[in-house]
């Protein structure tokens, strides 16, 4: 005697019904597309570790932003590669810096596209760390926070709709909020010291010259700490809290969503992107199916916003 079918199994047999009862939906409006904008570049420069992703000149970034908007993706996240780096990361808070210039150009050409800006010093410091260094080589939290806040104010003044501090210094959200009463803040609240950032560091030329970032980024083993960090950022004025990376931390996304009750962003990072690209290129999996499954899992875990290098491809497939 055959076992009776479950209700959902019966519904799944009819495609229209299957769609109607789907619990988690994926839409281009869920995505943010990161862009790497490089000072002094003419056109585009492919990033070897991230097939399909380029460094962009300002004019190329404007064109790319237009294509992104046409696909129904509502926002971009800008990272800058300056033509000069120094100990203090002065290019980050220069009103004529690469992110500030790119922000103005994109907003002029595409005023309805949301421009988010990454707020950090690592792409601008000669040593590659996210803050200022003491003489012993450790990061000085308090003086770094002052420059992070200065960077956020400069980017907002250039027209950024949203600022996203990614440095993980203690107290930086409160300092940014003190300088920006109205600009939304997406806080990199639970940013783990992850092995999945490698391709990004090639893309943004931000590999630390020495040591690592474990002193200020989070231990991948610590879930409770992620909740404490997120709740602190909420208290200091964050409007959205972020978990980064996404796929190895789906449990953290769920917990942060449940505890904060704020919108949650998840960053599907460069290493996650590169793994699927490499496996697909080797014929090991179906790229489209794998990407859409991965992004759906991030949304199912509780992310309201998914920052992903797959955004353009996923929007076309959807």
Protein backbone atom coordinates (compact mmCIF):
# COMPACT_ATOMS: atom_id res chain seq x y z
CA UNK A 1 0.00 0.00 0.00
CA UNK A 2 1.57 3.39 -1.00
CA UNK A 3 2.16 6.01 1.65
CA UNK A 4 -0.15 9.06 1.43
CA UNK A 5 1.33 12.20 -0.10
CA UNK A 6 1.88 15.25 2.04
CA UNK A 7 -0.11 18.35 1.17
CA UNK A 8 2.96 20.23 -0.03
CA UNK A 9 4.09 17.30 -2.13
CA UNK A 10 0.74 17.33 -3.90
CA UNK A 11 1.01 21.10 -4.41
CA UNK A 12 4.56 20.86 -5.77
CA UNK A 13 3.36 18.66 -8.60
CA UNK A 14 1.66 21.68 -10.22
CA UNK A 15 4.13 24.46 -11.15
CA UNK A 16 1.71 27.35 -10.57
CA UNK A 17 0.72 26.00 -7.16
CA UNK A 18 4.37 25.37 -6.33
CA UNK A 19 5.08 29.04 -6.97
CA UNK A 20 2.08 30.17 -4.94
CA UNK A 21 3.17 28.30 -1.80
CA UNK A 22 6.86 29.17 -2.06
CA UNK A 23 7.92 30.59 1.31
CA UNK A 24 10.96 32.62 0.20
CA UNK A 25 11.04 34.74 -2.93
CA UNK A 26 14.00 36.24 -4.72
CA UNK A 27 13.75 39.46 -6.68
CA UNK A 28 16.24 41.89 -8.28
CA UNK A 29 14.93 44.46 -5.82
CA UNK A 30 16.63 42.48 -3.03
CA UNK A 31 20.13 43.03 -4.43
CA UNK A 32 22.96 45.52 -4.08
CA UNK A 33 25.77 45.34 -6.66
CA UNK A 34 29.29 46.21 -5.46
CA UNK A 35 31.46 48.32 -7.79
CA UNK A 36 35.23 48.90 -7.68
CA UNK A 37 36.11 52.37 -8.95
CA UNK A 38 39.79 53.11 -9.64
CA UNK A 39 41.40 56.53 -9.91
CA UNK A 40 43.33 57.13 -13.13
CA UNK A 41 41.92 54.09 -14.91
CA UNK A 42 40.77 54.34 -18.51
CA UNK A 43 37.73 52.12 -19.04
CA UNK A 44 37.79 48.71 -17.38
CA UNK A 45 40.37 46.32 -15.95
CA UNK A 46 39.31 42.67 -15.38
CA UNK A 47 39.84 41.20 -11.91
CA UNK A 48 41.44 37.80 -12.46
CA UNK A 49 40.20 36.28 -9.21
CA UNK A 50 36.60 37.39 -9.88
CA UNK A 51 35.59 36.45 -13.45
CA UNK A 52 33.03 38.87 -14.83
CA UNK A 53 33.92 41.66 -12.36
CA UNK A 54 36.10 44.63 -13.38
CA UNK A 55 37.75 47.62 -11.86
CA UNK A 56 36.06 50.66 -13.39
CA UNK A 57 36.92 54.21 -14.28
CA UNK A 58 34.39 56.80 -13.19
CA UNK A 59 32.83 56.96 -16.65
CA UNK A 60 32.68 53.16 -16.84
CA UNK A 61 31.11 53.08 -13.37
CA UNK A 62 28.42 55.48 -14.57
CA UNK A 63 27.69 53.20 -17.53
CA UNK A 64 27.68 50.13 -15.29
CA UNK A 65 25.32 51.84 -12.87
CA UNK A 66 22.92 52.50 -15.73
CA UNK A 67 22.91 48.84 -16.72
CA UNK A 68 22.38 47.81 -13.10
CA UNK A 69 19.42 50.15 -12.74
CA UNK A 70 17.91 48.86 -15.99
CA UNK A 71 17.89 45.34 -14.53
CA UNK A 72 15.75 46.45 -11.60
CA UNK A 73 18.60 46.38 -9.08
CA UNK A 74 18.00 49.36 -6.80
CA UNK A 75 21.46 50.05 -5.36
CA UNK A 76 25.21 49.92 -5.79
CA UNK A 77 27.94 49.78 -3.14
CA UNK A 78 31.09 51.73 -4.04
CA UNK A 79 34.66 50.77 -3.17
CA UNK A 80 37.50 53.08 -4.15
CA UNK A 81 41.02 52.34 -5.36
CA UNK A 82 43.01 55.59 -5.04
CA UNK A 83 46.06 56.66 -7.02
CA UNK A 84 47.96 57.32 -3.79
CA UNK A 85 48.10 55.59 -0.41
CA UNK A 86 49.62 56.84 2.82
CA UNK A 87 49.82 55.98 6.51
CA UNK A 88 46.69 57.97 7.36
CA UNK A 89 44.50 56.86 4.45
CA UNK A 90 43.83 60.47 3.48
CA UNK A 91 42.21 59.46 0.19
CA UNK A 92 39.26 58.03 2.13
CA UNK A 93 38.11 61.40 3.48
CA UNK A 94 39.32 63.64 0.65
CA UNK A 95 36.30 65.50 -0.75
CA UNK A 96 37.83 64.96 -4.19
CA UNK A 97 38.62 61.30 -3.54
CA UNK A 98 37.69 58.55 -5.96
CA UNK A 99 34.52 57.43 -4.14
CA UNK A 100 33.34 61.00 -3.70
CA UNK A 101 33.90 61.77 -7.40
CA UNK A 102 32.22 58.54 -8.50
CA UNK A 103 29.26 59.18 -6.21
CA UNK A 104 28.66 62.61 -7.72
CA UNK A 105 28.93 61.27 -11.26
CA UNK A 106 26.58 58.33 -10.69
CA UNK A 107 23.97 60.43 -8.89
CA UNK A 108 24.02 63.02 -11.68
CA UNK A 109 23.47 60.38 -14.34
CA UNK A 110 21.13 58.06 -12.39
CA UNK A 111 19.47 60.05 -9.60
CA UNK A 112 17.01 57.27 -8.73
CA UNK A 113 19.74 54.66 -8.17
CA UNK A 114 20.67 54.31 -4.50
CA UNK A 115 24.39 54.85 -3.92
CA UNK A 116 25.86 53.18 -0.85
CA UNK A 117 29.50 53.87 0.03
CA UNK A 118 31.87 51.62 1.91
CA UNK A 119 33.42 53.55 4.80
CA UNK A 120 36.86 52.22 5.70
CA UNK A 121 40.54 53.12 5.48
CA UNK A 122 42.01 49.81 4.29
CA UNK A 123 41.90 50.65 0.58
CA UNK A 124 43.65 53.97 1.25
CA UNK A 125 46.35 53.12 3.81
CA UNK A 126 49.84 52.12 2.69
CA UNK A 127 49.83 49.32 5.30
CA UNK A 128 46.39 47.95 4.30
CA UNK A 129 44.84 48.00 7.76
CA UNK A 130 41.42 49.48 8.50
CA UNK A 131 42.68 52.13 10.90
CA UNK A 132 45.66 54.14 12.07
CA UNK A 133 48.61 52.28 13.55
CA UNK A 134 50.48 52.76 16.80
CA UNK A 135 54.27 52.52 16.84
CA UNK A 136 54.04 48.83 17.80
CA UNK A 137 51.98 48.08 14.67
CA UNK A 138 48.64 47.61 16.43
CA UNK A 139 45.56 49.53 15.34
CA UNK A 140 44.62 52.60 17.40
CA UNK A 141 40.83 52.29 17.71
CA UNK A 142 39.97 55.79 18.93
CA UNK A 143 41.97 57.85 16.45
CA UNK A 144 40.75 55.54 13.67
CA UNK A 145 37.12 56.18 14.63
CA UNK A 146 37.63 59.92 14.15
CA UNK A 147 38.78 59.35 10.55
CA UNK A 148 36.02 56.82 9.84
CA UNK A 149 33.44 59.42 10.88
CA UNK A 150 35.20 62.04 8.77
CA UNK A 151 35.12 59.70 5.78
CA UNK A 152 31.39 59.05 6.18
CA UNK A 153 30.62 62.77 6.36
CA UNK A 154 32.70 63.43 3.23
CA UNK A 155 30.93 60.69 1.29
CA UNK A 156 27.49 61.87 2.38
CA UNK A 157 28.41 65.41 1.38
CA UNK A 158 29.29 64.05 -2.07
CA UNK A 159 25.78 62.65 -2.41
CA UNK A 160 25.91 59.13 -0.95
CA UNK A 161 22.41 58.01 -0.04
CA UNK A 162 23.69 55.49 2.52
CA UNK A 163 27.04 55.07 4.28
CA UNK A 164 28.30 51.63 5.30
CA UNK A 165 31.13 51.59 7.88
CA UNK A 166 33.06 48.32 7.47
CA UNK A 167 36.09 48.89 9.70
CA UNK A 168 34.75 47.13 12.84
CA UNK A 169 36.27 49.69 15.22
CA UNK A 170 34.50 50.03 18.56
CA UNK A 171 32.21 53.06 18.73
CA UNK A 172 32.39 53.99 15.06
CA UNK A 173 28.63 53.85 14.45
CA UNK A 174 28.00 56.32 17.24
CA UNK A 175 30.69 58.63 15.87
CA UNK A 176 29.26 58.45 12.35
CA UNK A 177 25.75 59.08 13.64
CA UNK A 178 26.98 62.11 15.57
CA UNK A 179 28.21 63.60 12.30
CA UNK A 180 25.27 62.51 10.16
CA UNK A 181 21.87 62.92 11.76
CA UNK A 182 19.79 62.02 8.70
CA UNK A 183 21.91 59.77 6.47
CA UNK A 184 21.03 56.07 6.81
CA UNK A 185 23.81 53.85 8.17
CA UNK A 186 24.27 50.24 7.11
CA UNK A 187 26.62 48.88 9.77
CA UNK A 188 28.97 46.00 9.05
CA UNK A 189 28.02 44.71 12.50
CA UNK A 190 29.11 41.08 12.35
CA UNK A 191 32.13 41.10 10.03
CA UNK A 192 34.12 37.94 10.53
CA UNK A 193 37.87 37.49 10.00
CA UNK A 194 37.15 35.21 7.08
CA UNK A 195 39.15 33.21 4.55
CA UNK A 196 36.54 34.18 1.93
CA UNK A 197 37.85 37.74 1.38
CA UNK A 198 40.87 36.82 -0.74
CA UNK A 199 39.57 37.83 -4.19
CA UNK A 200 38.27 41.15 -2.81
CA UNK A 201 41.72 42.05 -1.54
CA UNK A 202 43.08 41.58 -5.04
CA UNK A 203 40.20 43.61 -6.46
CA UNK A 204 40.59 46.50 -4.00
CA UNK A 205 44.37 46.24 -3.53
CA UNK A 206 43.81 46.10 0.24
CA UNK A 207 45.83 43.12 1.50
CA UNK A 208 47.51 44.03 4.80
CA UNK A 209 51.25 44.62 4.39
CA UNK A 210 51.80 42.68 7.61
CA UNK A 211 49.77 40.72 10.14
CA UNK A 212 46.04 40.27 9.73
CA UNK A 213 42.75 41.82 10.86
CA UNK A 214 41.81 39.37 13.58
CA UNK A 215 42.32 41.97 16.30
CA UNK A 216 39.29 43.93 15.09
CA UNK A 217 37.30 41.53 12.92
CA UNK A 218 35.35 38.71 14.55
CA UNK A 219 36.34 35.14 15.33
CA UNK A 220 34.33 32.83 13.03
CA UNK A 221 33.60 30.63 16.05
CA UNK A 222 31.63 33.33 17.92
CA UNK A 223 27.91 33.59 17.29
CA UNK A 224 26.93 35.22 20.58
CA UNK A 225 29.52 37.94 20.02
CA UNK A 226 27.91 38.69 16.66
CA UNK A 227 24.63 39.41 18.43
CA UNK A 228 26.33 41.67 20.97
CA UNK A 229 28.07 43.62 18.20
CA UNK A 230 24.84 44.02 16.24
CA UNK A 231 22.91 45.19 19.28
CA UNK A 232 25.62 47.73 20.12
CA UNK A 233 25.39 49.13 16.59
CA UNK A 234 21.62 49.39 16.96
CA UNK A 235 22.06 51.34 20.18
CA UNK A 236 24.54 53.68 18.48
CA UNK A 237 22.16 54.52 15.65
CA UNK A 238 22.53 51.97 12.85
CA UNK A 239 19.51 51.69 10.53
CA UNK A 240 20.51 48.35 9.00
CA UNK A 241 22.87 45.72 10.43
CA UNK A 242 25.01 43.49 8.24
CA UNK A 243 26.49 40.01 8.47
CA UNK A 244 29.58 39.30 6.37
CA UNK A 245 30.24 36.77 4.84
CA UNK A 246 26.82 35.28 4.17
CA UNK A 247 26.80 31.57 3.31
CA UNK A 248 29.00 30.27 6.18
CA UNK A 249 27.00 32.42 8.62
CA UNK A 250 23.36 31.76 7.77
CA UNK A 251 22.73 30.90 11.40
CA UNK A 252 24.10 34.29 12.45
CA UNK A 253 21.88 36.09 9.91
CA UNK A 254 18.84 34.38 11.42
CA UNK A 255 19.84 35.18 14.99
CA UNK A 256 20.67 38.81 14.20
CA UNK A 257 17.34 39.23 12.43
CA UNK A 258 15.40 37.74 15.34
CA UNK A 259 17.25 39.73 18.01
CA UNK A 260 17.51 43.17 16.42
CA UNK A 261 14.18 43.29 14.53
CA UNK A 262 15.90 45.69 12.12
CA UNK A 263 16.47 45.23 8.40
CA UNK A 264 19.43 42.88 7.92
CA UNK A 265 21.92 42.95 5.06
CA UNK A 266 24.11 39.99 4.17
CA UNK A 267 27.26 40.29 2.07
CA UNK A 268 27.72 37.37 -0.32
CA UNK A 269 31.46 37.99 -0.53
CA UNK A 270 34.12 37.61 -3.20
CA UNK A 271 35.27 34.15 -2.15
CA UNK A 272 31.71 32.82 -2.21
CA UNK A 273 31.31 34.31 -5.69
CA UNK A 274 34.65 32.96 -6.95
CA UNK A 275 33.95 29.42 -5.70
CA UNK A 276 30.76 29.11 -7.70
CA UNK A 277 32.38 30.68 -10.75
CA UNK A 278 35.34 28.28 -10.58
CA UNK A 279 33.17 25.21 -10.04
CA UNK A 280 30.88 26.21 -12.91
CA UNK A 281 33.83 26.84 -15.23
CA UNK A 282 35.12 23.35 -14.40
CA UNK A 283 31.74 21.82 -15.23
CA UNK A 284 31.15 20.73 -11.65
CA UNK A 285 27.80 22.45 -11.19
CA UNK A 286 25.16 24.48 -12.96
CA UNK A 287 26.01 28.13 -12.31
CA UNK A 288 22.50 29.52 -12.63
CA UNK A 289 20.95 26.90 -10.35
CA UNK A 290 23.74 27.20 -7.78
CA UNK A 291 23.65 31.00 -7.66
CA UNK A 292 19.88 31.22 -7.29
CA UNK A 293 19.89 28.50 -4.63
CA UNK A 294 22.64 30.28 -2.68
CA UNK A 295 20.92 33.66 -2.84
CA UNK A 296 17.57 32.15 -1.88
CA UNK A 297 19.18 30.54 1.17
CA UNK A 298 20.52 33.92 2.27
CA UNK A 299 17.06 35.45 1.98
CA UNK A 300 15.49 32.45 3.73
CA UNK A 301 17.90 32.90 6.64
CA UNK A 302 16.44 36.37 7.20
CA UNK A 303 18.41 38.82 5.06
CA UNK A 304 16.32 41.68 3.68
CA UNK A 305 19.20 42.96 1.52
CA UNK A 306 21.72 40.78 -0.32
CA UNK A 307 24.96 42.42 -1.44
CA UNK A 308 26.30 40.17 -4.17
CA UNK A 309 28.56 40.17 -7.21
CA UNK A 310 26.01 37.82 -8.80
CA UNK A 311 23.40 40.60 -8.82
CA UNK A 312 23.39 41.32 -12.56
CA UNK A 313 23.34 37.67 -13.60
CA UNK A 314 20.70 36.79 -11.02
CA UNK A 315 18.51 39.71 -12.09
CA UNK A 316 18.64 38.52 -15.72
CA UNK A 317 17.79 34.94 -14.73
CA UNK A 318 14.90 36.05 -12.55
